[in-house]
Every structure is written in structure tokens, then in C-alpha cells.
Amino acid sequence: MTDNYANEPMMEMFLFETSQLIEQLEQQILSSEKSNNYTEDAINEIFRIMHTIKGS
């Protein structure tokens, strides 16, 4: 197996964007739990974030 650093910038961008999405997801879930209310908009946002992470 050879060392290939050609994709390193892409991996760094993926990790950066994914960490931001996870923070957004955490904020959305904590906010919904705190208010004890998962609105339709909140659920859609959670699914959107998860779909974006999965698609990456």
C-alpha cells in the first residue's frame, strides 16, 4: 500500500464540514429536548443534517 496524500485537503475539508454539521445536529437535538417539543421543522432539520453527513 502506498502513501497517497493527494486527497489530504479533501479529507480535511470533509472533517471540517462534518464537525460543523454535528455541532448543528447537537444544537437542534438539545434545543428540542430542552423544550420537550420536537416540531416538524426540527425533525426535518435533523433529517436534513443526517442526510448531508451520510451523503458526504
PDB file of N, CA and C in Angstrom:
ATOM      1  N   MET A   1       0.851  -1.180   0.000  1.00  0.00           N
ATOM      2  CA  MET A   1       0.000   0.000   0.000  1.00  0.00           C
ATOM      3  C   MET A   1       0.895   1.241   0.000  1.00  0.00           C
ATOM      4  N   THR A   2       0.610   2.157  -0.883  1.00  0.00           N
ATOM      5  CA  THR A   2       1.421   3.361  -0.978  1.00  0.00           C
ATOM      6  C   THR A   2       0.754   4.496  -0.229  1.00  0.00           C
ATOM      7  N   ASP A   3       1.589   5.411   0.234  1.00  0.00           N
ATOM      8  CA  ASP A   3       1.057   6.603   0.893  1.00  0.00           C
ATOM      9  C   ASP A   3       0.599   7.575  -0.184  1.00  0.00           C
ATOM     10  N   ASN A   4      -0.632   8.015  -0.097  1.00  0.00           N
ATOM     11  CA  ASN A   4      -1.175   8.940  -1.079  1.00  0.00           C
ATOM     12  C   ASN A   4      -1.748  10.135  -0.339  1.00  0.00           C
ATOM     13  N   TYR A   5      -1.076  11.263  -0.488  1.00  0.00           N
ATOM     14  CA  TYR A   5      -1.510  12.474   0.206  1.00  0.00           C
ATOM     15  C   TYR A   5      -2.261  13.423  -0.723  1.00  0.00           C
ATOM     16  N   ALA A   6      -2.581  12.962  -1.932  1.00  0.00           N
ATOM     17  CA  ALA A   6      -3.268  13.814  -2.895  1.00  0.00           C
ATOM     18  C   ALA A   6      -4.652  14.222  -2.406  1.00  0.00           C
ATOM     19  N   ASN A   7      -5.298  13.367  -1.630  1.00  0.00           N
ATOM     20  CA  ASN A   7      -6.655  13.655  -1.151  1.00  0.00           C
ATOM     21  C   ASN A   7      -6.685  14.279   0.239  1.00  0.00           C
ATOM     22  N   GLU A   8      -5.531  14.598   0.789  1.00  0.00           N
ATOM     23  CA  GLU A   8      -5.484  15.145   2.145  1.00  0.00           C
ATOM     24  C   GLU A   8      -6.292  16.435   2.295  1.00  0.00           C
ATOM     25  N   PRO A   9      -6.180  17.414   1.378  1.00  0.00           N
ATOM     26  CA  PRO A   9      -7.014  18.622   1.530  1.00  0.00           C
ATOM     27  C   PRO A   9      -8.507  18.306   1.493  1.00  0.00           C
ATOM     28  N   MET A  10      -8.883  17.337   0.672  1.00  0.00           N
ATOM     29  CA  MET A  10     -10.289  16.955   0.593  1.00  0.00           C
ATOM     30  C   MET A  10     -10.747  16.329   1.910  1.00  0.00           C
ATOM     31  N   MET A  11      -9.901  15.504   2.496  1.00  0.00           N
ATOM     32  CA  MET A  11     -10.229  14.870   3.778  1.00  0.00           C
ATOM     33  C   MET A  11     -10.347  15.926   4.873  1.00  0.00           C
ATOM     34  N   GLU A  12      -9.453  16.906   4.870  1.00  0.00           N
ATOM     35  CA  GLU A  12      -9.516  17.978   5.864  1.00  0.00           C
ATOM     36  C   GLU A  12     -10.823  18.753   5.735  1.00  0.00           C
ATOM     37  N   MET A  13     -11.240  19.036   4.503  1.00  0.00           N
ATOM     38  CA  MET A  13     -12.493  19.758   4.283  1.00  0.00           C
ATOM     39  C   MET A  13     -13.680  18.915   4.743  1.00  0.00           C
ATOM     40  N   PHE A  14     -13.657  17.622   4.439  1.00  0.00           N
ATOM     41  CA  PHE A  14     -14.722  16.720   4.875  1.00  0.00           C
ATOM     42  C   PHE A  14     -14.837  16.725   6.395  1.00  0.00           C
ATOM     43  N   LEU A  15     -13.715  16.594   7.081  1.00  0.00           N
ATOM     44  CA  LEU A  15     -13.733  16.560   8.545  1.00  0.00           C
ATOM     45  C   LEU A  15     -14.224  17.877   9.125  1.00  0.00           C
ATOM     46  N   PHE A  16     -13.802  18.983   8.537  1.00  0.00           N
ATOM     47  CA  PHE A  16     -14.235  20.301   8.998  1.00  0.00           C
ATOM     48  C   PHE A  16     -15.747  20.461   8.830  1.00  0.00           C
ATOM     49  N   GLU A  17     -16.247  20.163   7.636  1.00  0.00           N
ATOM     50  CA  GLU A  17     -17.680  20.314   7.373  1.00  0.00           C
ATOM     51  C   GLU A  17     -18.512  19.356   8.220  1.00  0.00           C
ATOM     52  N   THR A  18     -18.024  18.137   8.385  1.00  0.00           N
ATOM     53  CA  THR A  18     -18.757  17.161   9.187  1.00  0.00           C
ATOM     54  C   THR A  18     -18.825  17.588  10.646  1.00  0.00           C
ATOM     55  N   SER A  19     -17.738  18.131  11.169  1.00  0.00           N
ATOM     56  CA  SER A  19     -17.760  18.579  12.567  1.00  0.00           C
ATOM     57  C   SER A  19     -18.748  19.728  12.748  1.00  0.00           C
ATOM     58  N   GLN A  20     -18.841  20.612  11.761  1.00  0.00           N
ATOM     59  CA  GLN A  20     -19.820  21.697  11.837  1.00  0.00           C
ATOM     60  C   GLN A  20     -21.249  21.151  11.801  1.00  0.00           C
ATOM     61  N   LEU A  21     -21.488  20.182  10.944  1.00  0.00           N
ATOM     62  CA  LEU A  21     -22.822  19.585  10.857  1.00  0.00           C
ATOM     63  C   LEU A  21     -23.197  18.866  12.148  1.00  0.00           C
ATOM     64  N   ILE A  22     -22.237  18.194  12.754  1.00  0.00           N
ATOM     65  CA  ILE A  22     -22.505  17.503  14.019  1.00  0.00           C
ATOM     66  C   ILE A  22     -22.831  18.510  15.113  1.00  0.00           C
ATOM     67  N   GLU A  23     -22.154  19.652  15.116  1.00  0.00           N
ATOM     68  CA  GLU A  23     -22.474  20.704  16.092  1.00  0.00           C
ATOM     69  C   GLU A  23     -23.897  21.212  15.879  1.00  0.00           C
ATOM     70  N   GLN A  24     -24.288  21.430  14.621  1.00  0.00           N
ATOM     71  CA  GLN A  24     -25.651  21.873  14.322  1.00  0.00           C
ATOM     72  C   GLN A  24     -26.671  20.833  14.767  1.00  0.00           C
ATOM     73  N   LEU A  25     -26.359  19.581  14.506  1.00  0.00           N
ATOM     74  CA  LEU A  25     -27.247  18.491  14.904  1.00  0.00           C
ATOM     75  C   LEU A  25     -27.407  18.453  16.417  1.00  0.00           C
ATOM     76  N   GLU A  26     -26.297  18.568  17.121  1.00  0.00           N
ATOM     77  CA  GLU A  26     -26.329  18.560  18.583  1.00  0.00           C
ATOM     78  C   GLU A  26     -27.167  19.718  19.118  1.00  0.00           C
ATOM     79  N   GLN A  27     -26.982  20.908  18.555  1.00  0.00           N
ATOM     80  CA  GLN A  27     -27.750  22.071  18.995  1.00  0.00           C
ATOM     81  C   GLN A  27     -29.245  21.869  18.766  1.00  0.00           C
ATOM     82  N   GLN A  28     -29.589  21.316  17.614  1.00  0.00           N
ATOM     83  CA  GLN A  28     -31.003  21.090  17.289  1.00  0.00           C
ATOM     84  C   GLN A  28     -31.629  20.083  18.240  1.00  0.00           C
ATOM     85  N   ILE A  29     -30.924  19.006  18.503  1.00  0.00           N
ATOM     86  CA  ILE A  29     -31.451  17.971  19.397  1.00  0.00           C
ATOM     87  C   ILE A  29     -31.564  18.498  20.823  1.00  0.00           C
ATOM     88  N   LEU A  30     -30.531  19.170  21.308  1.00  0.00           N
ATOM     89  CA  LEU A  30     -30.569  19.698  22.673  1.00  0.00           C
ATOM     90  C   LEU A  30     -31.667  20.741  22.842  1.00  0.00           C
ATOM     91  N   SER A  31     -31.839  21.582  21.846  1.00  0.00           N
ATOM     92  CA  SER A  31     -32.894  22.597  21.899  1.00  0.00           C
ATOM     93  C   SER A  31     -34.276  21.947  21.953  1.00  0.00           C
ATOM     94  N   SER A  32     -34.468  20.924  21.143  1.00  0.00           N
ATOM     95  CA  SER A  32     -35.759  20.225  21.133  1.00  0.00           C
ATOM     96  C   SER A  32     -35.999  19.484  22.441  1.00  0.00           C
ATOM     97  N   GLU A  33     -34.957  18.865  22.974  1.00  0.00           N
ATOM     98  CA  GLU A  33     -35.103  18.159  24.252  1.00  0.00           C
ATOM     99  C   GLU A  33     -35.389  19.130  25.391  1.00  0.00           C
ATOM    100  N   LYS A  34     -34.711  20.281  25.368  1.00  0.00           N
ATOM    101  CA  LYS A  34     -34.905  21.270  26.429  1.00  0.00           C
ATOM    102  C   LYS A  34     -36.349  21.772  26.450  1.00  0.00           C
ATOM    103  N   SER A  35     -36.903  22.000  25.275  1.00  0.00           N
ATOM    104  CA  SER A  35     -38.288  22.476  25.212  1.00  0.00           C
ATOM    105  C   SER A  35     -39.288  21.326  25.267  1.00  0.00           C
ATOM    106  N   ASN A  36     -38.762  20.106  25.286  1.00  0.00           N
ATOM    107  CA  ASN A  36     -39.600  18.899  25.317  1.00  0.00           C
ATOM    108  C   ASN A  36     -40.602  18.905  24.169  1.00  0.00           C
ATOM    109  N   ASN A  37     -40.127  19.387  23.002  1.00  0.00           N
ATOM    110  CA  ASN A  37     -41.010  19.514  21.851  1.00  0.00           C
ATOM    111  C   ASN A  37     -40.199  19.378  20.565  1.00  0.00           C
ATOM    112  N   TYR A  38     -40.434  18.290  19.862  1.00  0.00           N
ATOM    113  CA  TYR A  38     -39.817  18.102  18.554  1.00  0.00           C
ATOM    114  C   TYR A  38     -40.826  18.527  17.496  1.00  0.00           C
ATOM    115  N   THR A  39     -40.654  19.741  16.990  1.00  0.00           N
ATOM    116  CA  THR A  39     -41.564  20.245  15.967  1.00  0.00           C
ATOM    117  C   THR A  39     -41.256  19.580  14.630  1.00  0.00           C
ATOM    118  N   GLU A  40     -42.179  19.727  13.711  1.00  0.00           N
ATOM    119  CA  GLU A  40     -41.957  19.178  12.370  1.00  0.00           C
ATOM    120  C   GLU A  40     -40.715  19.802  11.735  1.00  0.00           C
ATOM    121  N   ASP A  41     -40.534  21.103  11.938  1.00  0.00           N
ATOM    122  CA  ASP A  41     -39.355  21.778  11.395  1.00  0.00           C
ATOM    123  C   ASP A  41     -38.067  21.242  12.013  1.00  0.00           C
ATOM    124  N   ALA A  42     -38.090  20.997  13.314  1.00  0.00           N
ATOM    125  CA  ALA A  42     -36.904  20.474  13.996  1.00  0.00           C
ATOM    126  C   ALA A  42     -36.556  19.077  13.483  1.00  0.00           C
ATOM    127  N   ILE A  43     -37.568  18.252  13.322  1.00  0.00           N
ATOM    128  CA  ILE A  43     -37.336  16.891  12.820  1.00  0.00           C
ATOM    129  C   ILE A  43     -36.801  16.934  11.393  1.00  0.00           C
ATOM    130  N   ASN A  44     -37.371  17.792  10.563  1.00  0.00           N
ATOM    131  CA  ASN A  44     -36.879  17.930   9.192  1.00  0.00           C
ATOM    132  C   ASN A  44     -35.429  18.398   9.165  1.00  0.00           C
ATOM    133  N   GLU A  45     -35.082  19.320  10.042  1.00  0.00           N
ATOM    134  CA  GLU A  45     -33.703  19.810  10.120  1.00  0.00           C
ATOM    135  C   GLU A  45     -32.756  18.692  10.553  1.00  0.00           C
ATOM    136  N   ILE A  46     -33.162  17.902  11.526  1.00  0.00           N
ATOM    137  CA  ILE A  46     -32.347  16.772  11.986  1.00  0.00           C
ATOM    138  C   ILE A  46     -32.124  15.792  10.839  1.00  0.00           C
ATOM    139  N   PHE A  47     -33.185  15.454  10.122  1.00  0.00           N
ATOM    140  CA  PHE A  47     -33.054  14.537   8.988  1.00  0.00           C
ATOM    141  C   PHE A  47     -32.183  15.139   7.880  1.00  0.00           C
ATOM    142  N   ARG A  48     -32.320  16.440   7.628  1.00  0.00           N
ATOM    143  CA  ARG A  48     -31.525  17.098   6.593  1.00  0.00           C
ATOM    144  C   ARG A  48     -30.042  17.020   6.924  1.00  0.00           C
ATOM    145  N   ILE A  49     -29.704  17.310   8.176  1.00  0.00           N
ATOM    146  CA  ILE A  49     -28.307  17.266   8.598  1.00  0.00           C
ATOM    147  C   ILE A  49     -27.759  15.851   8.482  1.00  0.00           C
ATOM    148  N   MET A  50     -28.526  14.878   8.952  1.00  0.00           N
ATOM    149  CA  MET A  50     -28.069  13.484   8.880  1.00  0.00           C
ATOM    150  C   MET A  50     -27.901  13.035   7.429  1.00  0.00           C
ATOM    151  N   HIS A  51     -28.803  13.440   6.570  1.00  0.00           N
ATOM    152  CA  HIS A  51     -28.714  13.082   5.157  1.00  0.00           C
ATOM    153  C   HIS A  51     -27.463  13.697   4.521  1.00  0.00           C
ATOM    154  N   THR A  52     -27.155  14.929   4.887  1.00  0.00           N
ATOM    155  CA  THR A  52     -25.964  15.589   4.358  1.00  0.00           C
ATOM    156  C   THR A  52     -24.703  14.874   4.813  1.00  0.00           C
ATOM    157  N   ILE A  53     -24.653  14.487   6.079  1.00  0.00           N
ATOM    158  CA  ILE A  53     -23.483  13.757   6.587  1.00  0.00           C
ATOM    159  C   ILE A  53     -23.364  12.420   5.865  1.00  0.00           C
ATOM    160  N   LYS A  54     -24.469  11.717   5.728  1.00  0.00           N
ATOM    161  CA  LYS A  54     -24.460  10.409   5.067  1.00  0.00           C
ATOM    162  C   LYS A  54     -24.001  10.534   3.618  1.00  0.00           C
ATOM    163  N   GLY A  55     -24.432  11.577   2.950  1.00  0.00           N
ATOM    164  CA  GLY A  55     -24.082  11.769   1.549  1.00  0.00           C
ATOM    165  C   GLY A  55     -22.647  12.187   1.317  1.00  0.00           C
ATOM    166  N   SER A  56     -22.016  12.662   2.368  1.00  0.00           N
ATOM    167  CA  SER A  56     -20.621  13.099   2.226  1.00  0.00           C
ATOM    168  C   SER A  56     -19.716  11.909   2.122  1.00  0.00           C
TER     169      SER A  56
END
